[in-house]
Amino acid sequence: MLRDGKLIGIVSRANLIRALASAPVPAQTGSASSDCELADAVVAALRDKRWALSKENVIVKNGVAHLWGVIQSEDEERAIRIAALEVEGVKEARAHLSDPTVMPLK
């Protein structure tokens, strides 16, 4: 992204996928509210953990939890996925998690 000809940010593939995953879908009976409730339950299940995800990083569509964020290890990814799957009503947990990116200074 540019502002006044200067680079102010980069839109990654992950940013685009997250935007598409969170786009509204034609409502199915009870689906939208239950998906929202499931997302809230996943966030609550992770709340007190070191690897907790914020509400905007948990998107549930048709019972499938999409989990976004930065993790420190594969163990954290497994823990996040397991916590999401333990929420009643979550059918699947898809991790879109990544290691921290270090940007070189110039």
C-alpha atoms as a PDB file:
ATOM      1  CA  MET A   1       0.000   0.000   0.000  1.00  0.00           C
ATOM      2  CA  LEU A   2       1.277   3.443  -0.869  1.00  0.00           C
ATOM      3  CA  ARG A   3       0.479   6.854   0.554  1.00  0.00           C
ATOM      4  CA  ASP A   4       1.967   9.896  -1.138  1.00  0.00           C
ATOM      5  CA  GLY A   5       4.276   7.575  -3.058  1.00  0.00           C
ATOM      6  CA  LYS A   6       5.707   5.994   0.114  1.00  0.00           C
ATOM      7  CA  LEU A   7       5.285   2.402   1.193  1.00  0.00           C
ATOM      8  CA  ILE A   8       3.089   2.270   4.321  1.00  0.00           C
ATOM      9  CA  GLY A   9       2.136  -1.403   4.383  1.00  0.00           C
ATOM     10  CA  ILE A  10       2.066  -4.688   2.574  1.00  0.00           C
ATOM     11  CA  VAL A  11      -1.059  -6.718   1.888  1.00  0.00           C
ATOM     12  CA  SER A  12      -0.101 -10.376   2.098  1.00  0.00           C
ATOM     13  CA  ARG A  13      -1.789 -13.400   0.651  1.00  0.00           C
ATOM     14  CA  ALA A  14      -2.847 -14.299   4.214  1.00  0.00           C
ATOM     15  CA  ASN A  15      -4.518 -10.869   4.572  1.00  0.00           C
ATOM     16  CA  LEU A  16      -6.509 -11.490   1.382  1.00  0.00           C
ATOM     17  CA  ILE A  17      -7.542 -15.003   2.409  1.00  0.00           C
ATOM     18  CA  ARG A  18      -8.643 -13.740   5.834  1.00  0.00           C
ATOM     19  CA  ALA A  19     -10.734 -11.007   4.197  1.00  0.00           C
ATOM     20  CA  LEU A  20     -12.394 -13.549   1.905  1.00  0.00           C
ATOM     21  CA  ALA A  21     -13.024 -15.970   4.777  1.00  0.00           C
ATOM     22  CA  SER A  22     -14.721 -13.270   6.831  1.00  0.00           C
ATOM     23  CA  ALA A  23     -16.890 -11.937   3.983  1.00  0.00           C
ATOM     24  CA  PRO A  24     -20.633 -12.278   4.588  1.00  0.00           C
ATOM     25  CA  VAL A  25     -22.284 -15.338   3.071  1.00  0.00           C
ATOM     26  CA  PRO A  26     -25.980 -15.708   2.322  1.00  0.00           C
ATOM     27  CA  ALA A  27     -27.463 -16.714   5.672  1.00  0.00           C
ATOM     28  CA  GLN A  28     -28.538 -20.286   6.205  1.00  0.00           C
ATOM     29  CA  THR A  29     -31.104 -20.913   8.889  1.00  0.00           C
ATOM     30  CA  GLY A  30     -29.420 -20.291  12.231  1.00  0.00           C
ATOM     31  CA  SER A  31     -25.937 -20.569  10.703  1.00  0.00           C
ATOM     32  CA  ALA A  32     -24.691 -16.996  11.065  1.00  0.00           C
ATOM     33  CA  SER A  33     -25.560 -16.612  14.734  1.00  0.00           C
ATOM     34  CA  SER A  34     -24.346 -20.083  15.701  1.00  0.00           C
ATOM     35  CA  ASP A  35     -21.058 -19.514  13.846  1.00  0.00           C
ATOM     36  CA  CYS A  36     -20.628 -16.235  15.726  1.00  0.00           C
ATOM     37  CA  GLU A  37     -21.383 -17.990  19.014  1.00  0.00           C
ATOM     38  CA  LEU A  38     -18.878 -20.730  18.149  1.00  0.00           C
ATOM     39  CA  ALA A  39     -16.201 -18.128  17.395  1.00  0.00           C
ATOM     40  CA  ASP A  40     -16.879 -16.473  20.758  1.00  0.00           C
ATOM     41  CA  ALA A  41     -16.620 -19.871  22.476  1.00  0.00           C
ATOM     42  CA  VAL A  42     -13.277 -20.612  20.784  1.00  0.00           C
ATOM     43  CA  VAL A  43     -11.910 -17.214  21.857  1.00  0.00           C
ATOM     44  CA  ALA A  44     -13.150 -17.894  25.402  1.00  0.00           C
ATOM     45  CA  ALA A  45     -11.514 -21.340  25.425  1.00  0.00           C
ATOM     46  CA  LEU A  46      -8.157 -19.738  24.558  1.00  0.00           C
ATOM     47  CA  ARG A  47      -8.548 -16.607  26.703  1.00  0.00           C
ATOM     48  CA  ASP A  48      -6.220 -17.472  29.589  1.00  0.00           C
ATOM     49  CA  LYS A  49      -3.572 -19.174  27.465  1.00  0.00           C
ATOM     50  CA  ARG A  50      -0.270 -17.661  26.394  1.00  0.00           C
ATOM     51  CA  TRP A  51      -1.242 -18.371  22.781  1.00  0.00           C
ATOM     52  CA  ALA A  52      -4.723 -16.820  23.003  1.00  0.00           C
ATOM     53  CA  LEU A  53      -6.172 -15.432  19.782  1.00  0.00           C
ATOM     54  CA  SER A  54      -8.159 -12.227  19.555  1.00  0.00           C
ATOM     55  CA  LYS A  55     -11.755 -12.275  18.319  1.00  0.00           C
ATOM     56  CA  GLU A  56     -10.836 -10.943  14.875  1.00  0.00           C
ATOM     57  CA  ASN A  57      -8.437 -13.876  14.436  1.00  0.00           C
ATOM     58  CA  VAL A  58     -11.094 -16.563  14.887  1.00  0.00           C
ATOM     59  CA  ILE A  59     -13.573 -16.932  12.039  1.00  0.00           C
ATOM     60  CA  VAL A  60     -16.140 -19.735  12.009  1.00  0.00           C
ATOM     61  CA  LYS A  61     -18.049 -20.625   8.850  1.00  0.00           C
ATOM     62  CA  ASN A  62     -20.514 -23.502   8.830  1.00  0.00           C
ATOM     63  CA  GLY A  63     -18.910 -24.940  11.957  1.00  0.00           C
ATOM     64  CA  VAL A  64     -15.352 -24.786  10.588  1.00  0.00           C
ATOM     65  CA  ALA A  65     -13.042 -22.655  12.746  1.00  0.00           C
ATOM     66  CA  HIS A  66     -10.379 -20.691  10.849  1.00  0.00           C
ATOM     67  CA  LEU A  67      -7.605 -19.667  13.221  1.00  0.00           C
ATOM     68  CA  TRP A  68      -5.243 -16.808  12.353  1.00  0.00           C
ATOM     69  CA  GLY A  69      -2.236 -15.514  14.216  1.00  0.00           C
ATOM     70  CA  VAL A  70       1.426 -15.803  15.050  1.00  0.00           C
ATOM     71  CA  ILE A  71       2.746 -18.793  16.968  1.00  0.00           C
ATOM     72  CA  GLN A  72       6.086 -19.601  18.573  1.00  0.00           C
ATOM     73  CA  SER A  73       6.050 -23.369  17.976  1.00  0.00           C
ATOM     74  CA  GLU A  74       4.229 -26.305  16.416  1.00  0.00           C
ATOM     75  CA  ASP A  75       3.101 -27.241  19.941  1.00  0.00           C
ATOM     76  CA  GLU A  76       1.231 -23.918  20.194  1.00  0.00           C
ATOM     77  CA  GLU A  77      -0.459 -24.599  16.854  1.00  0.00           C
ATOM     78  CA  ARG A  78      -1.560 -28.048  18.049  1.00  0.00           C
ATOM     79  CA  ALA A  79      -2.832 -26.609  21.343  1.00  0.00           C
ATOM     80  CA  ILE A  80      -4.853 -23.921  19.552  1.00  0.00           C
ATOM     81  CA  ARG A  81      -6.384 -26.445  17.149  1.00  0.00           C
ATOM     82  CA  ILE A  82      -7.223 -28.878  19.977  1.00  0.00           C
ATOM     83  CA  ALA A  83      -8.837 -26.113  22.058  1.00  0.00           C
ATOM     84  CA  ALA A  84     -10.978 -25.080  19.075  1.00  0.00           C
ATOM     85  CA  LEU A  85     -12.006 -28.679  18.354  1.00  0.00           C
ATOM     86  CA  GLU A  86     -13.062 -29.167  21.974  1.00  0.00           C
ATOM     87  CA  VAL A  87     -15.715 -26.453  21.583  1.00  0.00           C
ATOM     88  CA  GLU A  88     -19.024 -28.224  21.070  1.00  0.00           C
ATOM     89  CA  GLY A  89     -20.286 -27.555  17.545  1.00  0.00           C
ATOM     90  CA  VAL A  90     -16.886 -26.979  15.921  1.00  0.00           C
ATOM     91  CA  LYS A  91     -16.591 -29.583  13.166  1.00  0.00           C
ATOM     92  CA  GLU A  92     -13.074 -28.762  12.012  1.00  0.00           C
ATOM     93  CA  ALA A  93     -10.239 -26.388  12.904  1.00  0.00           C
ATOM     94  CA  ARG A  94      -8.086 -24.970  10.115  1.00  0.00           C
ATOM     95  CA  ALA A  95      -4.914 -23.279  11.269  1.00  0.00           C
ATOM     96  CA  HIS A  96      -3.683 -20.293   9.263  1.00  0.00           C
ATOM     97  CA  LEU A  97      -0.966 -19.649  11.820  1.00  0.00           C
ATOM     98  CA  SER A  98       2.578 -18.531  11.091  1.00  0.00           C
ATOM     99  CA  ASP A  99       5.934 -17.994  12.725  1.00  0.00           C
ATOM    100  CA  PRO A 100       6.928 -14.421  13.586  1.00  0.00           C
ATOM    101  CA  THR A 101       8.369 -12.512  10.647  1.00  0.00           C
ATOM    102  CA  VAL A 102      11.502 -10.491  11.265  1.00  0.00           C
ATOM    103  CA  MET A 103      11.868  -7.575   8.876  1.00  0.00           C
ATOM    104  CA  PRO A 104      15.430  -6.556   8.078  1.00  0.00           C
ATOM    105  CA  LEU A 105      16.308  -2.939   8.807  1.00  0.00           C
ATOM    106  CA  LYS A 106      17.690  -0.867   5.945  1.00  0.00           C
END
